[in-house]
Amino acid sequence: MRRYLPYAVAPALLIAGYALAQYPIMEMVADNVVKKYQTSTCEQLWQEKMKPKSPKEKEMVQLLRGDPQMRTAFINRIAAPVVNKMFECGMIP
């Protein structure tokens, strides 16, 4: 079974690498989102949540809505760190 593990992991790594190469700006934005959630306190995140979105944030959301593949790559990149922090902060049940 272990002999086949590299064959199973290799396609996933290729797809992830392709997504990064295809969307470098999205990757930079995703890195910033992850960094914000990892370095912010829960109080800071709650305050940030109450503020209206900036024009750049609105533009990025529109871009993600218009490109399902980019949206999938973005969500795959930020999901675990963001949701874990939101759970720690009581932002999700």
C-alpha atoms as a PDB file:
ATOM      1  CA  MET A   1       0.000   0.000   0.000  1.00  0.00           C
ATOM      2  CA  ARG A   2       2.789   2.453   0.862  1.00  0.00           C
ATOM      3  CA  ARG A   3       4.417   1.914  -2.514  1.00  0.00           C
ATOM      4  CA  TYR A   4       1.365   3.472  -4.163  1.00  0.00           C
ATOM      5  CA  LEU A   5       1.170   6.514  -1.880  1.00  0.00           C
ATOM      6  CA  PRO A   6       3.512   8.674  -4.022  1.00  0.00           C
ATOM      7  CA  TYR A   7       1.320   7.939  -7.048  1.00  0.00           C
ATOM      8  CA  ALA A   8      -1.738   9.149  -5.153  1.00  0.00           C
ATOM      9  CA  VAL A   9      -0.086  12.281  -3.747  1.00  0.00           C
ATOM     10  CA  ALA A  10       1.686  13.398  -6.924  1.00  0.00           C
ATOM     11  CA  PRO A  11      -1.486  14.429  -8.834  1.00  0.00           C
ATOM     12  CA  ALA A  12      -2.716  16.479  -5.875  1.00  0.00           C
ATOM     13  CA  LEU A  13       0.622  18.288  -5.663  1.00  0.00           C
ATOM     14  CA  LEU A  14       0.587  18.952  -9.399  1.00  0.00           C
ATOM     15  CA  ILE A  15      -2.919  20.398  -9.219  1.00  0.00           C
ATOM     16  CA  ALA A  16      -1.982  22.586  -6.251  1.00  0.00           C
ATOM     17  CA  GLY A  17       1.153  23.775  -8.031  1.00  0.00           C
ATOM     18  CA  TYR A  18      -0.845  24.535 -11.156  1.00  0.00           C
ATOM     19  CA  ALA A  19      -3.359  26.580  -9.151  1.00  0.00           C
ATOM     20  CA  LEU A  20      -0.545  28.601  -7.586  1.00  0.00           C
ATOM     21  CA  ALA A  21       1.122  29.228 -10.924  1.00  0.00           C
ATOM     22  CA  GLN A  22      -2.168  30.114 -12.570  1.00  0.00           C
ATOM     23  CA  TYR A  23      -3.332  32.603  -9.916  1.00  0.00           C
ATOM     24  CA  PRO A  24      -0.306  34.371  -8.394  1.00  0.00           C
ATOM     25  CA  ILE A  25      -2.325  37.407  -7.263  1.00  0.00           C
ATOM     26  CA  MET A  26      -4.940  35.167  -5.651  1.00  0.00           C
ATOM     27  CA  GLU A  27      -2.160  33.308  -3.835  1.00  0.00           C
ATOM     28  CA  MET A  28      -0.751  36.589  -2.537  1.00  0.00           C
ATOM     29  CA  VAL A  29      -4.208  37.652  -1.314  1.00  0.00           C
ATOM     30  CA  ALA A  30      -4.767  34.234   0.278  1.00  0.00           C
ATOM     31  CA  ASP A  31      -1.426  34.492   2.077  1.00  0.00           C
ATOM     32  CA  ASN A  32      -2.445  37.906   3.426  1.00  0.00           C
ATOM     33  CA  VAL A  33      -5.806  36.566   4.620  1.00  0.00           C
ATOM     34  CA  VAL A  34      -4.173  33.621   6.377  1.00  0.00           C
ATOM     35  CA  LYS A  35      -1.541  35.895   7.942  1.00  0.00           C
ATOM     36  CA  LYS A  36      -4.247  38.294   9.166  1.00  0.00           C
ATOM     37  CA  TYR A  37      -6.162  35.500  10.856  1.00  0.00           C
ATOM     38  CA  GLN A  38      -3.053  33.944  12.376  1.00  0.00           C
ATOM     39  CA  THR A  39      -1.700  37.207  13.807  1.00  0.00           C
ATOM     40  CA  SER A  40      -4.931  38.942  14.871  1.00  0.00           C
ATOM     41  CA  THR A  41      -6.564  38.615  18.239  1.00  0.00           C
ATOM     42  CA  CYS A  42     -10.181  37.540  18.464  1.00  0.00           C
ATOM     43  CA  GLU A  43     -11.162  41.072  19.459  1.00  0.00           C
ATOM     44  CA  GLN A  44      -9.442  42.491  16.375  1.00  0.00           C
ATOM     45  CA  LEU A  45     -11.229  39.989  14.135  1.00  0.00           C
ATOM     46  CA  TRP A  46     -14.619  40.848  15.675  1.00  0.00           C
ATOM     47  CA  GLN A  47     -13.960  44.559  15.112  1.00  0.00           C
ATOM     48  CA  GLU A  48     -12.813  43.916  11.544  1.00  0.00           C
ATOM     49  CA  LYS A  49     -15.961  41.912  10.853  1.00  0.00           C
ATOM     50  CA  MET A  50     -18.125  44.926  11.748  1.00  0.00           C
ATOM     51  CA  LYS A  51     -16.368  47.260   9.282  1.00  0.00           C
ATOM     52  CA  PRO A  52     -17.603  47.608   5.689  1.00  0.00           C
ATOM     53  CA  LYS A  53     -15.493  45.963   2.994  1.00  0.00           C
ATOM     54  CA  SER A  54     -12.895  48.094   1.232  1.00  0.00           C
ATOM     55  CA  PRO A  55     -13.112  48.608  -2.550  1.00  0.00           C
ATOM     56  CA  LYS A  56     -10.191  46.194  -3.024  1.00  0.00           C
ATOM     57  CA  GLU A  57     -11.955  43.520  -0.964  1.00  0.00           C
ATOM     58  CA  LYS A  58     -15.145  43.999  -2.964  1.00  0.00           C
ATOM     59  CA  GLU A  59     -13.159  43.716  -6.197  1.00  0.00           C
ATOM     60  CA  MET A  60     -11.527  40.473  -5.056  1.00  0.00           C
ATOM     61  CA  VAL A  61     -14.901  39.003  -4.064  1.00  0.00           C
ATOM     62  CA  GLN A  62     -16.296  39.864  -7.504  1.00  0.00           C
ATOM     63  CA  LEU A  63     -13.255  38.277  -9.131  1.00  0.00           C
ATOM     64  CA  LEU A  64     -13.746  35.085  -7.096  1.00  0.00           C
ATOM     65  CA  ARG A  65     -17.457  34.996  -7.937  1.00  0.00           C
ATOM     66  CA  GLY A  66     -16.651  35.230 -11.621  1.00  0.00           C
ATOM     67  CA  ASP A  67     -14.013  32.477 -11.673  1.00  0.00           C
ATOM     68  CA  PRO A  68     -15.085  29.194 -10.011  1.00  0.00           C
ATOM     69  CA  GLN A  69     -11.643  27.600 -10.403  1.00  0.00           C
ATOM     70  CA  MET A  70      -9.912  30.531  -8.740  1.00  0.00           C
ATOM     71  CA  ARG A  71     -12.532  30.546  -5.995  1.00  0.00           C
ATOM     72  CA  THR A  72     -11.925  26.852  -5.337  1.00  0.00           C
ATOM     73  CA  ALA A  73      -8.154  27.382  -5.167  1.00  0.00           C
ATOM     74  CA  PHE A  74      -8.625  30.370  -2.825  1.00  0.00           C
ATOM     75  CA  ILE A  75     -10.970  28.521  -0.485  1.00  0.00           C
ATOM     76  CA  ASN A  76      -8.714  25.460  -0.436  1.00  0.00           C
ATOM     77  CA  ARG A  77      -5.790  27.697   0.548  1.00  0.00           C
ATOM     78  CA  ILE A  78      -7.467  29.665   3.357  1.00  0.00           C
ATOM     79  CA  ALA A  79     -10.100  27.270   4.718  1.00  0.00           C
ATOM     80  CA  ALA A  80      -8.238  25.441   7.486  1.00  0.00           C
ATOM     81  CA  PRO A  81      -6.384  28.355   9.124  1.00  0.00           C
ATOM     82  CA  VAL A  82      -9.326  30.779   8.875  1.00  0.00           C
ATOM     83  CA  VAL A  83     -11.993  28.377  10.112  1.00  0.00           C
ATOM     84  CA  ASN A  84      -9.785  27.185  12.982  1.00  0.00           C
ATOM     85  CA  LYS A  85      -9.248  30.781  14.144  1.00  0.00           C
ATOM     86  CA  MET A  86     -12.950  31.583  13.753  1.00  0.00           C
ATOM     87  CA  PHE A  87     -13.793  28.533  15.857  1.00  0.00           C
ATOM     88  CA  GLU A  88     -11.284  29.589  18.550  1.00  0.00           C
ATOM     89  CA  CYS A  89     -12.845  33.070  18.595  1.00  0.00           C
ATOM     90  CA  GLY A  90     -16.424  31.809  18.843  1.00  0.00           C
ATOM     91  CA  MET A  91     -17.326  33.185  15.426  1.00  0.00           C
ATOM     92  CA  ILE A  92     -18.729  29.815  14.363  1.00  0.00           C
ATOM     93  CA  PRO A  93     -20.374  27.192  16.568  1.00  0.00           C
END
